[in-house]
Amino acid sequence: MIMLAAVSLAIGWPAAGAAQPARPDTARTRTVIIEGMRFRPQNLIVRRGERVKWINKDPFPHTVTATDGRFDSHAIGPDGSWTYVARKAGEYDYTCIFHATMKGKLVVLDHDDKH
């Protein structure tokens, strides 16, 4: 056992039971609440690679559908959710296809953009 620990340390592996360094959160999740026939927040700015999670708090289904077709959640039932990973920088208007008055905007920035 002592020999194995010495070999582990010699090649850079942590010893058994040693604390592992914390990994940075590379995929942060942002939340949009769907409630009262509205997206809150209505406009959301994220960085490329972040996740956006829409949670439906209304008692009936909604969708999160980009007007340019980039994403579509399909029906999100009551107390349901849908998550999208923002992979391409740009501005994306979206709506609920069941309720045309519900509108939102997702702005995706490149990692090096300052905002």
C-alpha atoms as a PDB file:
ATOM      1  CA  MET A   1       0.000   0.000   0.000  1.00  0.00           C
ATOM      2  CA  ILE A   2       2.848   2.394   0.849  1.00  0.00           C
ATOM      3  CA  MET A   3       4.551   1.536  -2.445  1.00  0.00           C
ATOM      4  CA  LEU A   4       1.330   2.354  -4.393  1.00  0.00           C
ATOM      5  CA  ALA A   5       1.006   5.741  -2.639  1.00  0.00           C
ATOM      6  CA  ALA A   6       4.646   6.563  -3.459  1.00  0.00           C
ATOM      7  CA  VAL A   7       4.143   5.647  -7.131  1.00  0.00           C
ATOM      8  CA  SER A   8       0.936   7.741  -7.266  1.00  0.00           C
ATOM      9  CA  LEU A   9       2.709  10.788  -5.901  1.00  0.00           C
ATOM     10  CA  ALA A  10       5.710  10.287  -8.193  1.00  0.00           C
ATOM     11  CA  ILE A  11       3.579  10.389 -11.334  1.00  0.00           C
ATOM     12  CA  GLY A  12       1.296  13.190 -10.151  1.00  0.00           C
ATOM     13  CA  TRP A  13      -1.804  11.255  -9.163  1.00  0.00           C
ATOM     14  CA  PRO A  14      -3.433  12.291  -5.904  1.00  0.00           C
ATOM     15  CA  ALA A  15      -3.091   9.847  -3.039  1.00  0.00           C
ATOM     16  CA  ALA A  16      -6.140   7.731  -2.242  1.00  0.00           C
ATOM     17  CA  GLY A  17      -8.652   9.771  -0.253  1.00  0.00           C
ATOM     18  CA  ALA A  18      -6.977  13.065  -1.134  1.00  0.00           C
ATOM     19  CA  ALA A  19      -9.306  15.990  -1.843  1.00  0.00           C
ATOM     20  CA  GLN A  20      -9.778  16.700  -5.538  1.00  0.00           C
ATOM     21  CA  PRO A  21      -9.427  20.291  -6.764  1.00  0.00           C
ATOM     22  CA  ALA A  22     -12.725  22.006  -7.537  1.00  0.00           C
ATOM     23  CA  ARG A  23     -13.579  22.220 -11.227  1.00  0.00           C
ATOM     24  CA  PRO A  24     -14.785  25.545 -12.548  1.00  0.00           C
ATOM     25  CA  ASP A  25     -18.470  25.716 -13.521  1.00  0.00           C
ATOM     26  CA  THR A  26     -18.102  25.675 -17.295  1.00  0.00           C
ATOM     27  CA  ALA A  27     -21.802  25.318 -18.064  1.00  0.00           C
ATOM     28  CA  ARG A  28     -23.721  27.752 -15.890  1.00  0.00           C
ATOM     29  CA  THR A  29     -27.521  27.419 -16.016  1.00  0.00           C
ATOM     30  CA  ARG A  30     -29.767  30.495 -16.214  1.00  0.00           C
ATOM     31  CA  THR A  31     -33.497  30.243 -15.529  1.00  0.00           C
ATOM     32  CA  VAL A  32     -36.542  31.785 -17.184  1.00  0.00           C
ATOM     33  CA  ILE A  33     -39.862  31.368 -15.367  1.00  0.00           C
ATOM     34  CA  ILE A  34     -43.017  31.030 -17.449  1.00  0.00           C
ATOM     35  CA  GLU A  35     -45.872  32.327 -15.324  1.00  0.00           C
ATOM     36  CA  GLY A  36     -48.907  34.541 -15.797  1.00  0.00           C
ATOM     37  CA  MET A  37     -48.604  34.163 -19.586  1.00  0.00           C
ATOM     38  CA  ARG A  38     -45.134  35.806 -19.524  1.00  0.00           C
ATOM     39  CA  PHE A  39     -41.474  34.874 -19.764  1.00  0.00           C
ATOM     40  CA  ARG A  40     -39.517  36.268 -16.791  1.00  0.00           C
ATOM     41  CA  PRO A  41     -37.095  37.708 -17.525  1.00  0.00           C
ATOM     42  CA  GLN A  42     -38.423  38.616 -20.953  1.00  0.00           C
ATOM     43  CA  ASN A  43     -34.909  39.396 -22.242  1.00  0.00           C
ATOM     44  CA  LEU A  44     -31.952  37.312 -21.134  1.00  0.00           C
ATOM     45  CA  ILE A  45     -28.258  37.764 -21.940  1.00  0.00           C
ATOM     46  CA  VAL A  46     -26.009  34.692 -21.631  1.00  0.00           C
ATOM     47  CA  ARG A  47     -22.553  33.654 -22.794  1.00  0.00           C
ATOM     48  CA  ARG A  48     -21.994  30.992 -25.414  1.00  0.00           C
ATOM     49  CA  GLY A  49     -21.989  27.564 -23.741  1.00  0.00           C
ATOM     50  CA  GLU A  50     -24.358  28.504 -20.919  1.00  0.00           C
ATOM     51  CA  ARG A  51     -27.598  26.618 -20.405  1.00  0.00           C
ATOM     52  CA  VAL A  52     -30.984  28.293 -20.241  1.00  0.00           C
ATOM     53  CA  LYS A  53     -33.785  26.474 -18.444  1.00  0.00           C
ATOM     54  CA  TRP A  54     -37.407  27.516 -18.910  1.00  0.00           C
ATOM     55  CA  ILE A  55     -39.754  26.389 -16.115  1.00  0.00           C
ATOM     56  CA  ASN A  56     -43.515  26.450 -16.707  1.00  0.00           C
ATOM     57  CA  LYS A  57     -45.402  27.587 -13.588  1.00  0.00           C
ATOM     58  CA  ASP A  58     -48.706  28.095 -15.433  1.00  0.00           C
ATOM     59  CA  PRO A  59     -51.496  25.467 -15.258  1.00  0.00           C
ATOM     60  CA  PHE A  60     -51.391  24.897 -19.042  1.00  0.00           C
ATOM     61  CA  PRO A  61     -48.674  24.134 -21.639  1.00  0.00           C
ATOM     62  CA  HIS A  62     -46.397  26.656 -23.353  1.00  0.00           C
ATOM     63  CA  THR A  63     -43.572  26.476 -25.874  1.00  0.00           C
ATOM     64  CA  VAL A  64     -40.262  28.267 -26.275  1.00  0.00           C
ATOM     65  CA  THR A  65     -39.987  28.584 -30.056  1.00  0.00           C
ATOM     66  CA  ALA A  66     -37.363  30.737 -31.804  1.00  0.00           C
ATOM     67  CA  THR A  67     -38.838  32.810 -34.611  1.00  0.00           C
ATOM     68  CA  ASP A  68     -35.886  31.839 -36.848  1.00  0.00           C
ATOM     69  CA  GLY A  69     -36.332  28.114 -36.112  1.00  0.00           C
ATOM     70  CA  ARG A  70     -33.044  27.757 -34.166  1.00  0.00           C
ATOM     71  CA  PHE A  71     -34.777  26.074 -31.215  1.00  0.00           C
ATOM     72  CA  ASP A  72     -38.190  24.718 -30.257  1.00  0.00           C
ATOM     73  CA  SER A  73     -39.082  23.207 -26.923  1.00  0.00           C
ATOM     74  CA  HIS A  74     -42.382  21.770 -28.138  1.00  0.00           C
ATOM     75  CA  ALA A  75     -45.074  21.706 -25.429  1.00  0.00           C
ATOM     76  CA  ILE A  76     -43.812  22.224 -21.876  1.00  0.00           C
ATOM     77  CA  GLY A  77     -46.546  21.024 -19.528  1.00  0.00           C
ATOM     78  CA  PRO A  78     -47.455  22.531 -16.161  1.00  0.00           C
ATOM     79  CA  ASP A  79     -44.527  22.238 -13.708  1.00  0.00           C
ATOM     80  CA  GLY A  80     -42.387  21.027 -16.609  1.00  0.00           C
ATOM     81  CA  SER A  81     -39.142  22.487 -17.894  1.00  0.00           C
ATOM     82  CA  TRP A  82     -36.946  22.582 -20.973  1.00  0.00           C
ATOM     83  CA  THR A  83     -33.223  23.335 -21.224  1.00  0.00           C
ATOM     84  CA  TYR A  84     -31.308  24.776 -24.172  1.00  0.00           C
ATOM     85  CA  VAL A  85     -27.532  25.157 -24.500  1.00  0.00           C
ATOM     86  CA  ALA A  86     -26.656  28.470 -26.173  1.00  0.00           C
ATOM     87  CA  ARG A  87     -23.975  27.397 -28.651  1.00  0.00           C
ATOM     88  CA  LYS A  88     -23.973  30.216 -31.244  1.00  0.00           C
ATOM     89  CA  ALA A  89     -23.660  33.948 -30.536  1.00  0.00           C
ATOM     90  CA  GLY A  90     -26.543  36.103 -31.715  1.00  0.00           C
ATOM     91  CA  GLU A  91     -29.941  37.508 -30.805  1.00  0.00           C
ATOM     92  CA  TYR A  92     -32.880  35.122 -30.857  1.00  0.00           C
ATOM     93  CA  ASP A  93     -36.482  36.248 -30.532  1.00  0.00           C
ATOM     94  CA  TYR A  94     -38.838  33.552 -29.334  1.00  0.00           C
ATOM     95  CA  THR A  95     -42.514  33.075 -28.597  1.00  0.00           C
ATOM     96  CA  CYS A  96     -45.034  30.559 -27.327  1.00  0.00           C
ATOM     97  CA  ILE A  97     -46.767  29.086 -30.368  1.00  0.00           C
ATOM     98  CA  PHE A  98     -49.924  28.559 -28.284  1.00  0.00           C
ATOM     99  CA  HIS A  99     -50.028  32.186 -27.053  1.00  0.00           C
ATOM    100  CA  ALA A 100     -48.742  34.684 -29.641  1.00  0.00           C
ATOM    101  CA  THR A 101     -48.627  37.559 -27.143  1.00  0.00           C
ATOM    102  CA  MET A 102     -45.909  35.780 -25.151  1.00  0.00           C
ATOM    103  CA  LYS A 103     -42.550  36.969 -26.469  1.00  0.00           C
ATOM    104  CA  GLY A 104     -38.974  36.817 -25.265  1.00  0.00           C
ATOM    105  CA  LYS A 105     -35.432  37.407 -26.452  1.00  0.00           C
ATOM    106  CA  LEU A 106     -32.268  35.407 -25.829  1.00  0.00           C
ATOM    107  CA  VAL A 107     -28.992  37.248 -26.479  1.00  0.00           C
ATOM    108  CA  VAL A 108     -25.961  34.959 -26.683  1.00  0.00           C
ATOM    109  CA  LEU A 109     -22.549  36.616 -26.382  1.00  0.00           C
ATOM    110  CA  ASP A 110     -19.193  35.156 -27.355  1.00  0.00           C
ATOM    111  CA  HIS A 111     -16.951  34.381 -24.377  1.00  0.00           C
ATOM    112  CA  ASP A 112     -14.789  37.449 -25.016  1.00  0.00           C
ATOM    113  CA  ASP A 113     -17.679  39.918 -25.457  1.00  0.00           C
ATOM    114  CA  LYS A 114     -17.945  42.547 -22.749  1.00  0.00           C
ATOM    115  CA  HIS A 115     -21.430  43.394 -21.581  1.00  0.00           C
END
